[in-house]
mmCIF file of all heavy atoms, coordinates in Angstrom:
data_MODEL
# 
_entry.id   MODEL 
# 
loop_
_atom_site.group_PDB 
_atom_site.id 
_atom_site.type_symbol 
_atom_site.label_atom_id 
_atom_site.label_alt_id 
_atom_site.label_comp_id 
_atom_site.label_asym_id 
_atom_site.label_entity_id 
_atom_site.label_seq_id 
_atom_site.pdbx_PDB_ins_code 
_atom_site.Cartn_x 
_atom_site.Cartn_y 
_atom_site.Cartn_z 
_atom_site.occupancy 
_atom_site.B_iso_or_equiv 
_atom_site.pdbx_formal_charge 
_atom_site.auth_seq_id 
_atom_site.auth_comp_id 
_atom_site.auth_asym_id 
_atom_site.auth_atom_id 
_atom_site.pdbx_PDB_model_num 
ATOM 1   N N   . HIS A 1 1  ? 85.136  -101.755 94.916  1.00 0.00 ? 1  HIS A N   1 
ATOM 2   C CA  . HIS A 1 1  ? 85.465  -103.177 94.900  1.00 0.00 ? 1  HIS A CA  1 
ATOM 3   C C   . HIS A 1 1  ? 84.799  -103.778 93.661  1.00 0.00 ? 1  HIS A C   1 
ATOM 4   O O   . HIS A 1 1  ? 83.578  -103.769 93.538  1.00 0.00 ? 1  HIS A O   1 
ATOM 5   C CB  . HIS A 1 1  ? 84.942  -103.860 96.166  1.00 0.00 ? 1  HIS A CB  1 
ATOM 6   C CG  . HIS A 1 1  ? 85.562  -103.321 97.422  1.00 0.00 ? 1  HIS A CG  1 
ATOM 7   N ND1 . HIS A 1 1  ? 85.210  -103.767 98.676  1.00 0.00 ? 1  HIS A ND1 1 
ATOM 8   C CD2 . HIS A 1 1  ? 86.523  -102.382 97.612  1.00 0.00 ? 1  HIS A CD2 1 
ATOM 9   C CE1 . HIS A 1 1  ? 85.924  -103.130 99.586  1.00 0.00 ? 1  HIS A CE1 1 
ATOM 10  N NE2 . HIS A 1 1  ? 86.714  -102.273 98.955  1.00 0.00 ? 1  HIS A NE2 1 
ATOM 11  N N   . ARG A 1 2  ? 85.628  -104.280 92.763  1.00 0.00 ? 2  ARG A N   1 
ATOM 12  C CA  . ARG A 1 2  ? 85.123  -104.700 91.453  1.00 0.00 ? 2  ARG A CA  1 
ATOM 13  C C   . ARG A 1 2  ? 84.119  -105.841 91.548  1.00 0.00 ? 2  ARG A C   1 
ATOM 14  O O   . ARG A 1 2  ? 83.207  -105.949 90.731  1.00 0.00 ? 2  ARG A O   1 
ATOM 15  C CB  . ARG A 1 2  ? 86.296  -105.099 90.568  1.00 0.00 ? 2  ARG A CB  1 
ATOM 16  C CG  . ARG A 1 2  ? 85.900  -105.530 89.161  1.00 0.00 ? 2  ARG A CG  1 
ATOM 17  C CD  . ARG A 1 2  ? 87.094  -105.635 88.251  1.00 0.00 ? 2  ARG A CD  1 
ATOM 18  N NE  . ARG A 1 2  ? 87.704  -104.325 88.015  1.00 0.00 ? 2  ARG A NE  1 
ATOM 19  C CZ  . ARG A 1 2  ? 88.718  -104.116 87.178  1.00 0.00 ? 2  ARG A CZ  1 
ATOM 20  N NH1 . ARG A 1 2  ? 89.241  -105.119 86.501  1.00 0.00 ? 2  ARG A NH1 1 
ATOM 21  N NH2 . ARG A 1 2  ? 89.228  -102.912 87.035  1.00 0.00 ? 2  ARG A NH2 1 
ATOM 22  N N   . TYR A 1 3  ? 84.270  -106.715 92.546  1.00 0.00 ? 3  TYR A N   1 
ATOM 23  C CA  . TYR A 1 3  ? 83.419  -107.905 92.633  1.00 0.00 ? 3  TYR A CA  1 
ATOM 24  C C   . TYR A 1 3  ? 82.528  -107.868 93.873  1.00 0.00 ? 3  TYR A C   1 
ATOM 25  O O   . TYR A 1 3  ? 82.185  -108.910 94.435  1.00 0.00 ? 3  TYR A O   1 
ATOM 26  C CB  . TYR A 1 3  ? 84.282  -109.163 92.638  1.00 0.00 ? 3  TYR A CB  1 
ATOM 27  C CG  . TYR A 1 3  ? 85.193  -109.262 91.436  1.00 0.00 ? 3  TYR A CG  1 
ATOM 28  C CD1 . TYR A 1 3  ? 86.508  -108.803 91.506  1.00 0.00 ? 3  TYR A CD1 1 
ATOM 29  C CD2 . TYR A 1 3  ? 84.743  -109.782 90.225  1.00 0.00 ? 3  TYR A CD2 1 
ATOM 30  C CE1 . TYR A 1 3  ? 87.359  -108.882 90.405  1.00 0.00 ? 3  TYR A CE1 1 
ATOM 31  C CE2 . TYR A 1 3  ? 85.581  -109.866 89.126  1.00 0.00 ? 3  TYR A CE2 1 
ATOM 32  C CZ  . TYR A 1 3  ? 86.889  -109.412 89.222  1.00 0.00 ? 3  TYR A CZ  1 
ATOM 33  O OH  . TYR A 1 3  ? 87.724  -109.485 88.121  1.00 0.00 ? 3  TYR A OH  1 
ATOM 34  N N   . GLY A 1 4  ? 82.148  -106.680 94.289  1.00 0.00 ? 4  GLY A N   1 
ATOM 35  C CA  . GLY A 1 4  ? 81.272  -106.555 95.437  1.00 0.00 ? 4  GLY A CA  1 
ATOM 36  C C   . GLY A 1 4  ? 82.034  -106.280 96.720  1.00 0.00 ? 4  GLY A C   1 
ATOM 37  O O   . GLY A 1 4  ? 83.269  -106.410 96.779  1.00 0.00 ? 4  GLY A O   1 
ATOM 38  N N   . PRO A 1 5  ? 81.337  -105.850 97.768  1.00 0.00 ? 5  PRO A N   1 
ATOM 39  C CA  . PRO A 1 5  ? 81.995  -105.382 98.989  1.00 0.00 ? 5  PRO A CA  1 
ATOM 40  C C   . PRO A 1 5  ? 82.783  -106.485 99.687  1.00 0.00 ? 5  PRO A C   1 
ATOM 41  O O   . PRO A 1 5  ? 82.293  -107.594 99.888  1.00 0.00 ? 5  PRO A O   1 
ATOM 42  C CB  . PRO A 1 5  ? 80.826  -104.906 99.854  1.00 0.00 ? 5  PRO A CB  1 
ATOM 43  C CG  . PRO A 1 5  ? 79.643  -105.668 99.347  1.00 0.00 ? 5  PRO A CG  1 
ATOM 44  C CD  . PRO A 1 5  ? 79.859  -105.815 97.884  1.00 0.00 ? 5  PRO A CD  1 
ATOM 45  N N   . HIS A 1 6  ? 83.999  -106.150 100.061 1.00 0.00 ? 6  HIS A N   1 
ATOM 46  C CA  . HIS A 1 6  ? 84.849  -107.045 100.830 1.00 0.00 ? 6  HIS A CA  1 
ATOM 47  C C   . HIS A 1 6  ? 85.188  -106.343 102.153 1.00 0.00 ? 6  HIS A C   1 
ATOM 48  O O   . HIS A 1 6  ? 85.966  -105.388 102.171 1.00 0.00 ? 6  HIS A O   1 
ATOM 49  C CB  . HIS A 1 6  ? 86.105  -107.417 100.049 1.00 0.00 ? 6  HIS A CB  1 
ATOM 50  C CG  . HIS A 1 6  ? 85.846  -108.479 99.024  1.00 0.00 ? 6  HIS A CG  1 
ATOM 51  N ND1 . HIS A 1 6  ? 85.097  -108.251 97.884  1.00 0.00 ? 6  HIS A ND1 1 
ATOM 52  C CD2 . HIS A 1 6  ? 86.208  -109.783 98.993  1.00 0.00 ? 6  HIS A CD2 1 
ATOM 53  C CE1 . HIS A 1 6  ? 85.020  -109.382 97.200  1.00 0.00 ? 6  HIS A CE1 1 
ATOM 54  N NE2 . HIS A 1 6  ? 85.683  -110.315 97.851  1.00 0.00 ? 6  HIS A NE2 1 
ATOM 55  N N   . ILE A 1 7  ? 84.575  -106.804 103.213 1.00 0.00 ? 7  ILE A N   1 
ATOM 56  C CA  . ILE A 1 7  ? 84.690  -106.183 104.526 1.00 0.00 ? 7  ILE A CA  1 
ATOM 57  C C   . ILE A 1 7  ? 85.631  -107.038 105.370 1.00 0.00 ? 7  ILE A C   1 
ATOM 58  O O   . ILE A 1 7  ? 85.331  -108.209 105.635 1.00 0.00 ? 7  ILE A O   1 
ATOM 59  C CB  . ILE A 1 7  ? 83.324  -106.083 105.222 1.00 0.00 ? 7  ILE A CB  1 
ATOM 60  C CG1 . ILE A 1 7  ? 82.225  -105.620 104.241 1.00 0.00 ? 7  ILE A CG1 1 
ATOM 61  C CG2 . ILE A 1 7  ? 83.414  -105.202 106.441 1.00 0.00 ? 7  ILE A CG2 1 
ATOM 62  C CD1 . ILE A 1 7  ? 82.464  -104.284 103.636 1.00 0.00 ? 7  ILE A CD1 1 
ATOM 63  N N   . PHE A 1 8  ? 86.748  -106.470 105.770 1.00 0.00 ? 8  PHE A N   1 
ATOM 64  C CA  . PHE A 1 8  ? 87.700  -107.288 106.521 1.00 0.00 ? 8  PHE A CA  1 
ATOM 65  C C   . PHE A 1 8  ? 87.410  -107.234 108.011 1.00 0.00 ? 8  PHE A C   1 
ATOM 66  O O   . PHE A 1 8  ? 87.312  -106.168 108.614 1.00 0.00 ? 8  PHE A O   1 
ATOM 67  C CB  . PHE A 1 8  ? 89.144  -106.843 106.281 1.00 0.00 ? 8  PHE A CB  1 
ATOM 68  C CG  . PHE A 1 8  ? 90.125  -107.797 106.910 1.00 0.00 ? 8  PHE A CG  1 
ATOM 69  C CD1 . PHE A 1 8  ? 90.484  -108.950 106.253 1.00 0.00 ? 8  PHE A CD1 1 
ATOM 70  C CD2 . PHE A 1 8  ? 90.607  -107.570 108.186 1.00 0.00 ? 8  PHE A CD2 1 
ATOM 71  C CE1 . PHE A 1 8  ? 91.330  -109.874 106.847 1.00 0.00 ? 8  PHE A CE1 1 
ATOM 72  C CE2 . PHE A 1 8  ? 91.454  -108.483 108.795 1.00 0.00 ? 8  PHE A CE2 1 
ATOM 73  C CZ  . PHE A 1 8  ? 91.822  -109.635 108.117 1.00 0.00 ? 8  PHE A CZ  1 
ATOM 74  N N   . HIS A 1 9  ? 87.310  -108.428 108.605 1.00 0.00 ? 9  HIS A N   1 
ATOM 75  C CA  . HIS A 1 9  ? 87.221  -108.567 110.052 1.00 0.00 ? 9  HIS A CA  1 
ATOM 76  C C   . HIS A 1 9  ? 87.739  -109.956 110.407 1.00 0.00 ? 9  HIS A C   1 
ATOM 77  O O   . HIS A 1 9  ? 87.663  -110.887 109.607 1.00 0.00 ? 9  HIS A O   1 
ATOM 78  C CB  . HIS A 1 9  ? 85.781  -108.384 110.552 1.00 0.00 ? 9  HIS A CB  1 
ATOM 79  C CG  . HIS A 1 9  ? 84.787  -109.298 109.909 1.00 0.00 ? 9  HIS A CG  1 
ATOM 80  N ND1 . HIS A 1 9  ? 84.522  -110.569 110.372 1.00 0.00 ? 9  HIS A ND1 1 
ATOM 81  C CD2 . HIS A 1 9  ? 84.011  -109.125 108.822 1.00 0.00 ? 9  HIS A CD2 1 
ATOM 82  C CE1 . HIS A 1 9  ? 83.611  -111.138 109.606 1.00 0.00 ? 9  HIS A CE1 1 
ATOM 83  N NE2 . HIS A 1 9  ? 83.281  -110.295 108.643 1.00 0.00 ? 9  HIS A NE2 1 
ATOM 84  N N   . THR A 1 10 ? 88.301  -110.080 111.582 1.00 0.00 ? 10 THR A N   1 
ATOM 85  C CA  . THR A 1 10 ? 88.809  -111.382 112.012 1.00 0.00 ? 10 THR A CA  1 
ATOM 86  C C   . THR A 1 10 ? 88.905  -111.436 113.524 1.00 0.00 ? 10 THR A C   1 
ATOM 87  O O   . THR A 1 10 ? 89.071  -110.417 114.185 1.00 0.00 ? 10 THR A O   1 
ATOM 88  C CB  . THR A 1 10 ? 90.188  -111.679 111.376 1.00 0.00 ? 10 THR A CB  1 
ATOM 89  O OG1 . THR A 1 10 ? 90.572  -113.017 111.698 1.00 0.00 ? 10 THR A OG1 1 
ATOM 90  C CG2 . THR A 1 10 ? 91.259  -110.712 111.905 1.00 0.00 ? 10 THR A CG2 1 
ATOM 91  N N   . ARG A 1 11 ? 88.828  -112.636 114.038 1.00 0.00 ? 11 ARG A N   1 
ATOM 92  C CA  . ARG A 1 11 ? 89.092  -112.851 115.469 1.00 0.00 ? 11 ARG A CA  1 
ATOM 93  C C   . ARG A 1 11 ? 90.428  -113.558 115.658 1.00 0.00 ? 11 ARG A C   1 
ATOM 94  O O   . ARG A 1 11 ? 90.767  -113.950 116.785 1.00 0.00 ? 11 ARG A O   1 
ATOM 95  C CB  . ARG A 1 11 ? 87.969  -113.681 116.096 1.00 0.00 ? 11 ARG A CB  1 
ATOM 96  C CG  . ARG A 1 11 ? 87.826  -115.090 115.533 1.00 0.00 ? 11 ARG A CG  1 
ATOM 97  C CD  . ARG A 1 11 ? 86.622  -115.798 116.111 1.00 0.00 ? 11 ARG A CD  1 
ATOM 98  N NE  . ARG A 1 11 ? 85.402  -115.117 115.793 1.00 0.00 ? 11 ARG A NE  1 
ATOM 99  C CZ  . ARG A 1 11 ? 84.208  -115.465 116.229 1.00 0.00 ? 11 ARG A CZ  1 
ATOM 100 N NH1 . ARG A 1 11 ? 84.085  -116.491 117.050 1.00 0.00 ? 11 ARG A NH1 1 
ATOM 101 N NH2 . ARG A 1 11 ? 83.130  -114.796 115.883 1.00 0.00 ? 11 ARG A NH2 1 
ATOM 102 N N   . ALA A 1 12 ? 91.187  -113.728 114.574 1.00 0.00 ? 12 ALA A N   1 
ATOM 103 C CA  . ALA A 1 12 ? 92.454  -114.465 114.615 1.00 0.00 ? 12 ALA A CA  1 
ATOM 104 C C   . ALA A 1 12 ? 93.624  -113.494 114.654 1.00 0.00 ? 12 ALA A C   1 
ATOM 105 O O   . ALA A 1 12 ? 93.959  -112.885 113.636 1.00 0.00 ? 12 ALA A O   1 
ATOM 106 C CB  . ALA A 1 12 ? 92.560  -115.375 113.397 1.00 0.00 ? 12 ALA A CB  1 
ATOM 107 N N   . PRO A 1 13 ? 94.286  -113.343 115.804 1.00 0.00 ? 13 PRO A N   1 
ATOM 108 C CA  . PRO A 1 13 ? 95.439  -112.430 115.874 1.00 0.00 ? 13 PRO A CA  1 
ATOM 109 C C   . PRO A 1 13 ? 96.537  -112.769 114.873 1.00 0.00 ? 13 PRO A C   1 
ATOM 110 O O   . PRO A 1 13 ? 97.198  -111.865 114.355 1.00 0.00 ? 13 PRO A O   1 
ATOM 111 C CB  . PRO A 1 13 ? 95.932  -112.594 117.319 1.00 0.00 ? 13 PRO A CB  1 
ATOM 112 C CG  . PRO A 1 13 ? 94.741  -113.063 118.081 1.00 0.00 ? 13 PRO A CG  1 
ATOM 113 C CD  . PRO A 1 13 ? 93.982  -113.930 117.125 1.00 0.00 ? 13 PRO A CD  1 
ATOM 114 N N   . VAL A 1 14 ? 96.738  -114.066 114.588 1.00 0.00 ? 14 VAL A N   1 
ATOM 115 C CA  . VAL A 1 14 ? 97.800  -114.432 113.656 1.00 0.00 ? 14 VAL A CA  1 
ATOM 116 C C   . VAL A 1 14 ? 97.530  -113.906 112.265 1.00 0.00 ? 14 VAL A C   1 
ATOM 117 O O   . VAL A 1 14 ? 98.447  -113.455 111.564 1.00 0.00 ? 14 VAL A O   1 
ATOM 118 C CB  . VAL A 1 14 ? 98.001  -115.971 113.632 1.00 0.00 ? 14 VAL A CB  1 
ATOM 119 C CG1 . VAL A 1 14 ? 96.756  -116.687 113.100 1.00 0.00 ? 14 VAL A CG1 1 
ATOM 120 C CG2 . VAL A 1 14 ? 99.230  -116.355 112.811 1.00 0.00 ? 14 VAL A CG2 1 
ATOM 121 N N   . VAL A 1 15 ? 96.264  -113.894 111.844 1.00 0.00 ? 15 VAL A N   1 
ATOM 122 C CA  . VAL A 1 15 ? 95.904  -113.352 110.527 1.00 0.00 ? 15 VAL A CA  1 
ATOM 123 C C   . VAL A 1 15 ? 96.088  -111.840 110.523 1.00 0.00 ? 15 VAL A C   1 
ATOM 124 O O   . VAL A 1 15 ? 96.630  -111.261 109.575 1.00 0.00 ? 15 VAL A O   1 
ATOM 125 C CB  . VAL A 1 15 ? 94.452  -113.741 110.174 1.00 0.00 ? 15 VAL A CB  1 
ATOM 126 C CG1 . VAL A 1 15 ? 93.972  -112.985 108.934 1.00 0.00 ? 15 VAL A CG1 1 
ATOM 127 C CG2 . VAL A 1 15 ? 94.347  -115.244 109.961 1.00 0.00 ? 15 VAL A CG2 1 
ATOM 128 N N   . TRP A 1 16 ? 95.646  -111.194 111.594 1.00 0.00 ? 16 TRP A N   1 
ATOM 129 C CA  . TRP A 1 16 ? 95.765  -109.731 111.697 1.00 0.00 ? 16 TRP A CA  1 
ATOM 130 C C   . TRP A 1 16 ? 97.234  -109.305 111.654 1.00 0.00 ? 16 TRP A C   1 
ATOM 131 O O   . TRP A 1 16 ? 97.613  -108.398 110.927 1.00 0.00 ? 16 TRP A O   1 
ATOM 132 C CB  . TRP A 1 16 ? 95.102  -109.263 112.977 1.00 0.00 ? 16 TRP A CB  1 
ATOM 133 C CG  . TRP A 1 16 ? 95.204  -107.787 113.214 1.00 0.00 ? 16 TRP A CG  1 
ATOM 134 C CD1 . TRP A 1 16 ? 96.066  -107.156 114.065 1.00 0.00 ? 16 TRP A CD1 1 
ATOM 135 C CD2 . TRP A 1 16 ? 94.431  -106.755 112.600 1.00 0.00 ? 16 TRP A CD2 1 
ATOM 136 N NE1 . TRP A 1 16 ? 95.872  -105.793 114.025 1.00 0.00 ? 16 TRP A NE1 1 
ATOM 137 C CE2 . TRP A 1 16 ? 94.872  -105.529 113.135 1.00 0.00 ? 16 TRP A CE2 1 
ATOM 138 C CE3 . TRP A 1 16 ? 93.407  -106.769 111.656 1.00 0.00 ? 16 TRP A CE3 1 
ATOM 139 C CZ2 . TRP A 1 16 ? 94.313  -104.325 112.742 1.00 0.00 ? 16 TRP A CZ2 1 
ATOM 140 C CZ3 . TRP A 1 16 ? 92.855  -105.563 111.273 1.00 0.00 ? 16 TRP A CZ3 1 
ATOM 141 C CH2 . TRP A 1 16 ? 93.311  -104.363 111.817 1.00 0.00 ? 16 TRP A CH2 1 
ATOM 142 N N   . ARG A 1 17 ? 98.069  -109.987 112.446 1.00 0.00 ? 17 ARG A N   1 
ATOM 143 C CA  . ARG A 1 17 ? 99.488  -109.632 112.494 1.00 0.00 ? 17 ARG A CA  1 
ATOM 144 C C   . ARG A 1 17 ? 100.158 -109.867 111.140 1.00 0.00 ? 17 ARG A C   1 
ATOM 145 O O   . ARG A 1 17 ? 100.980 -109.057 110.699 1.00 0.00 ? 17 ARG A O   1 
ATOM 146 C CB  . ARG A 1 17 ? 100.202 -110.440 113.579 1.00 0.00 ? 17 ARG A CB  1 
ATOM 147 C CG  . ARG A 1 17 ? 99.861  -110.020 114.999 1.00 0.00 ? 17 ARG A CG  1 
ATOM 148 C CD  . ARG A 1 17 ? 100.850 -110.612 115.983 1.00 0.00 ? 17 ARG A CD  1 
ATOM 149 N NE  . ARG A 1 17 ? 100.844 -112.076 115.956 1.00 0.00 ? 17 ARG A NE  1 
ATOM 150 C CZ  . ARG A 1 17 ? 100.084 -112.830 116.744 1.00 0.00 ? 17 ARG A CZ  1 
ATOM 151 N NH1 . ARG A 1 17 ? 99.257  -112.263 117.613 1.00 0.00 ? 17 ARG A NH1 1 
ATOM 152 N NH2 . ARG A 1 17 ? 100.145 -114.144 116.675 1.00 0.00 ? 17 ARG A NH2 1 
ATOM 153 N N   . TYR A 1 18 ? 99.793  -110.960 110.506 1.00 0.00 ? 18 TYR A N   1 
ATOM 154 C CA  . TYR A 1 18 ? 100.407 -111.260 109.210 1.00 0.00 ? 18 TYR A CA  1 
ATOM 155 C C   . TYR A 1 18 ? 100.080 -110.181 108.180 1.00 0.00 ? 18 TYR A C   1 
ATOM 156 O O   . TYR A 1 18 ? 100.977 -109.608 107.545 1.00 0.00 ? 18 TYR A O   1 
ATOM 157 C CB  . TYR A 1 18 ? 99.950  -112.628 108.703 1.00 0.00 ? 18 TYR A CB  1 
ATOM 158 C CG  . TYR A 1 18 ? 100.437 -112.908 107.307 1.00 0.00 ? 18 TYR A CG  1 
ATOM 159 C CD1 . TYR A 1 18 ? 101.779 -113.253 107.075 1.00 0.00 ? 18 TYR A CD1 1 
ATOM 160 C CD2 . TYR A 1 18 ? 99.601  -112.791 106.208 1.00 0.00 ? 18 TYR A CD2 1 
ATOM 161 C CE1 . TYR A 1 18 ? 102.250 -113.475 105.795 1.00 0.00 ? 18 TYR A CE1 1 
ATOM 162 C CE2 . TYR A 1 18 ? 100.057 -113.011 104.923 1.00 0.00 ? 18 TYR A CE2 1 
ATOM 163 C CZ  . TYR A 1 18 ? 101.385 -113.356 104.724 1.00 0.00 ? 18 TYR A CZ  1 
ATOM 164 O OH  . TYR A 1 18 ? 101.846 -113.554 103.442 1.00 0.00 ? 18 TYR A OH  1 
ATOM 165 N N   . LEU A 1 19 ? 98.814  -109.860 107.999 1.00 0.00 ? 19 LEU A N   1 
ATOM 166 C CA  . LEU A 1 19 ? 98.428  -108.882 106.983 1.00 0.00 ? 19 LEU A CA  1 
ATOM 167 C C   . LEU A 1 19 ? 98.907  -107.475 107.338 1.00 0.00 ? 19 LEU A C   1 
ATOM 168 O O   . LEU A 1 19 ? 99.144  -106.652 106.443 1.00 0.00 ? 19 LEU A O   1 
ATOM 169 C CB  . LEU A 1 19 ? 96.911  -108.892 106.792 1.00 0.00 ? 19 LEU A CB  1 
ATOM 170 C CG  . LEU A 1 19 ? 96.332  -110.128 106.099 1.00 0.00 ? 19 LEU A CG  1 
ATOM 171 C CD1 . LEU A 1 19 ? 94.822  -110.004 105.976 1.00 0.00 ? 19 LEU A CD1 1 
ATOM 172 C CD2 . LEU A 1 19 ? 96.960  -110.356 104.728 1.00 0.00 ? 19 LEU A CD2 1 
ATOM 173 N N   . SER A 1 20 ? 99.075  -107.200 108.619 1.00 0.00 ? 20 SER A N   1 
ATOM 174 C CA  . SER A 1 20 ? 99.540  -105.870 109.035 1.00 0.00 ? 20 SER A CA  1 
ATOM 175 C C   . SER A 1 20 ? 100.968 -105.580 108.583 1.00 0.00 ? 20 SER A C   1 
ATOM 176 O O   . SER A 1 20 ? 101.404 -104.424 108.615 1.00 0.00 ? 20 SER A O   1 
ATOM 177 C CB  . SER A 1 20 ? 99.429  -105.732 110.559 1.00 0.00 ? 20 SER A CB  1 
ATOM 178 O OG  . SER A 1 20 ? 98.075  -105.758 110.969 1.00 0.00 ? 20 SER A OG  1 
ATOM 179 N N   . GLN A 1 21 ? 101.686 -106.609 108.138 1.00 0.00 ? 21 GLN A N   1 
ATOM 180 C CA  . GLN A 1 21 ? 103.008 -106.377 107.551 1.00 0.00 ? 21 GLN A CA  1 
ATOM 181 C C   . GLN A 1 21 ? 102.906 -105.701 106.182 1.00 0.00 ? 21 GLN A C   1 
ATOM 182 O O   . GLN A 1 21 ? 103.884 -105.116 105.701 1.00 0.00 ? 21 GLN A O   1 
ATOM 183 C CB  . GLN A 1 21 ? 103.745 -107.706 107.370 1.00 0.00 ? 21 GLN A CB  1 
ATOM 184 C CG  . GLN A 1 21 ? 103.996 -108.500 108.625 1.00 0.00 ? 21 GLN A CG  1 
ATOM 185 C CD  . GLN A 1 21 ? 104.593 -109.849 108.306 1.00 0.00 ? 21 GLN A CD  1 
ATOM 186 O OE1 . GLN A 1 21 ? 105.796 -109.966 108.049 1.00 0.00 ? 21 GLN A OE1 1 
ATOM 187 N NE2 . GLN A 1 21 ? 103.756 -110.868 108.283 1.00 0.00 ? 21 GLN A NE2 1 
ATOM 188 N N   . PHE A 1 22 ? 101.725 -105.772 105.569 1.00 0.00 ? 22 PHE A N   1 
ATOM 189 C CA  . PHE A 1 22 ? 101.580 -105.340 104.185 1.00 0.00 ? 22 PHE A CA  1 
ATOM 190 C C   . PHE A 1 22 ? 100.586 -104.193 104.005 1.00 0.00 ? 22 PHE A C   1 
ATOM 191 O O   . PHE A 1 22 ? 100.349 -103.745 102.884 1.00 0.00 ? 22 PHE A O   1 
ATOM 192 C CB  . PHE A 1 22 ? 101.155 -106.536 103.312 1.00 0.00 ? 22 PHE A CB  1 
ATOM 193 C CG  . PHE A 1 22 ? 102.052 -107.722 103.488 1.00 0.00 ? 22 PHE A CG  1 
ATOM 194 C CD1 . PHE A 1 22 ? 101.682 -108.776 104.308 1.00 0.00 ? 22 PHE A CD1 1 
ATOM 195 C CD2 . PHE A 1 22 ? 103.303 -107.760 102.861 1.00 0.00 ? 22 PHE A CD2 1 
ATOM 196 C CE1 . PHE A 1 22 ? 102.528 -109.868 104.480 1.00 0.00 ? 22 PHE A CE1 1 
ATOM 197 C CE2 . PHE A 1 22 ? 104.142 -108.842 103.037 1.00 0.00 ? 22 PHE A CE2 1 
ATOM 198 C CZ  . PHE A 1 22 ? 103.764 -109.895 103.852 1.00 0.00 ? 22 PHE A CZ  1 
ATOM 199 N N   . THR A 1 23 ? 99.992  -103.749 105.089 1.00 0.00 ? 23 THR A N   1 
ATOM 200 C CA  . THR A 1 23 ? 99.068  -102.631 104.981 1.00 0.00 ? 23 THR A CA  1 
ATOM 201 C C   . THR A 1 23 ? 98.939  -101.930 106.328 1.00 0.00 ? 23 THR A C   1 
ATOM 202 O O   . THR A 1 23 ? 99.123  -102.551 107.379 1.00 0.00 ? 23 THR A O   1 
ATOM 203 C CB  . THR A 1 23 ? 97.664  -103.096 104.526 1.00 0.00 ? 23 THR A CB  1 
ATOM 204 O OG1 . THR A 1 23 ? 96.828  -101.958 104.305 1.00 0.00 ? 23 THR A OG1 1 
ATOM 205 C CG2 . THR A 1 23 ? 97.013  -103.999 105.565 1.00 0.00 ? 23 THR A CG2 1 
ATOM 206 N N   . GLU A 1 24 ? 98.644  -100.646 106.274 1.00 0.00 ? 24 GLU A N   1 
ATOM 207 C CA  . GLU A 1 24 ? 98.102  -99.967  107.441 1.00 0.00 ? 24 GLU A CA  1 
ATOM 208 C C   . GLU A 1 24 ? 96.585  -100.045 107.328 1.00 0.00 ? 24 GLU A C   1 
ATOM 209 O O   . GLU A 1 24 ? 96.031  -100.332 106.255 1.00 0.00 ? 24 GLU A O   1 
ATOM 210 C CB  . GLU A 1 24 ? 98.595  -98.525  107.486 1.00 0.00 ? 24 GLU A CB  1 
ATOM 211 C CG  . GLU A 1 24 ? 100.099 -98.414  107.712 1.00 0.00 ? 24 GLU A CG  1 
ATOM 212 C CD  . GLU A 1 24 ? 100.568 -96.975  107.837 1.00 0.00 ? 24 GLU A CD  1 
ATOM 213 O OE1 . GLU A 1 24 ? 99.715  -96.087  108.000 1.00 0.00 ? 24 GLU A OE1 1 
ATOM 214 O OE2 . GLU A 1 24 ? 101.793 -96.755  107.765 1.00 0.00 ? 24 GLU A OE2 1 
# 
């Protein structure tokens, strides 16, 4: 990660579902 660690976590199902369209 060029600008330091980016750790993905969320409690928002809408965010999870949205991004899951673009990545496994």
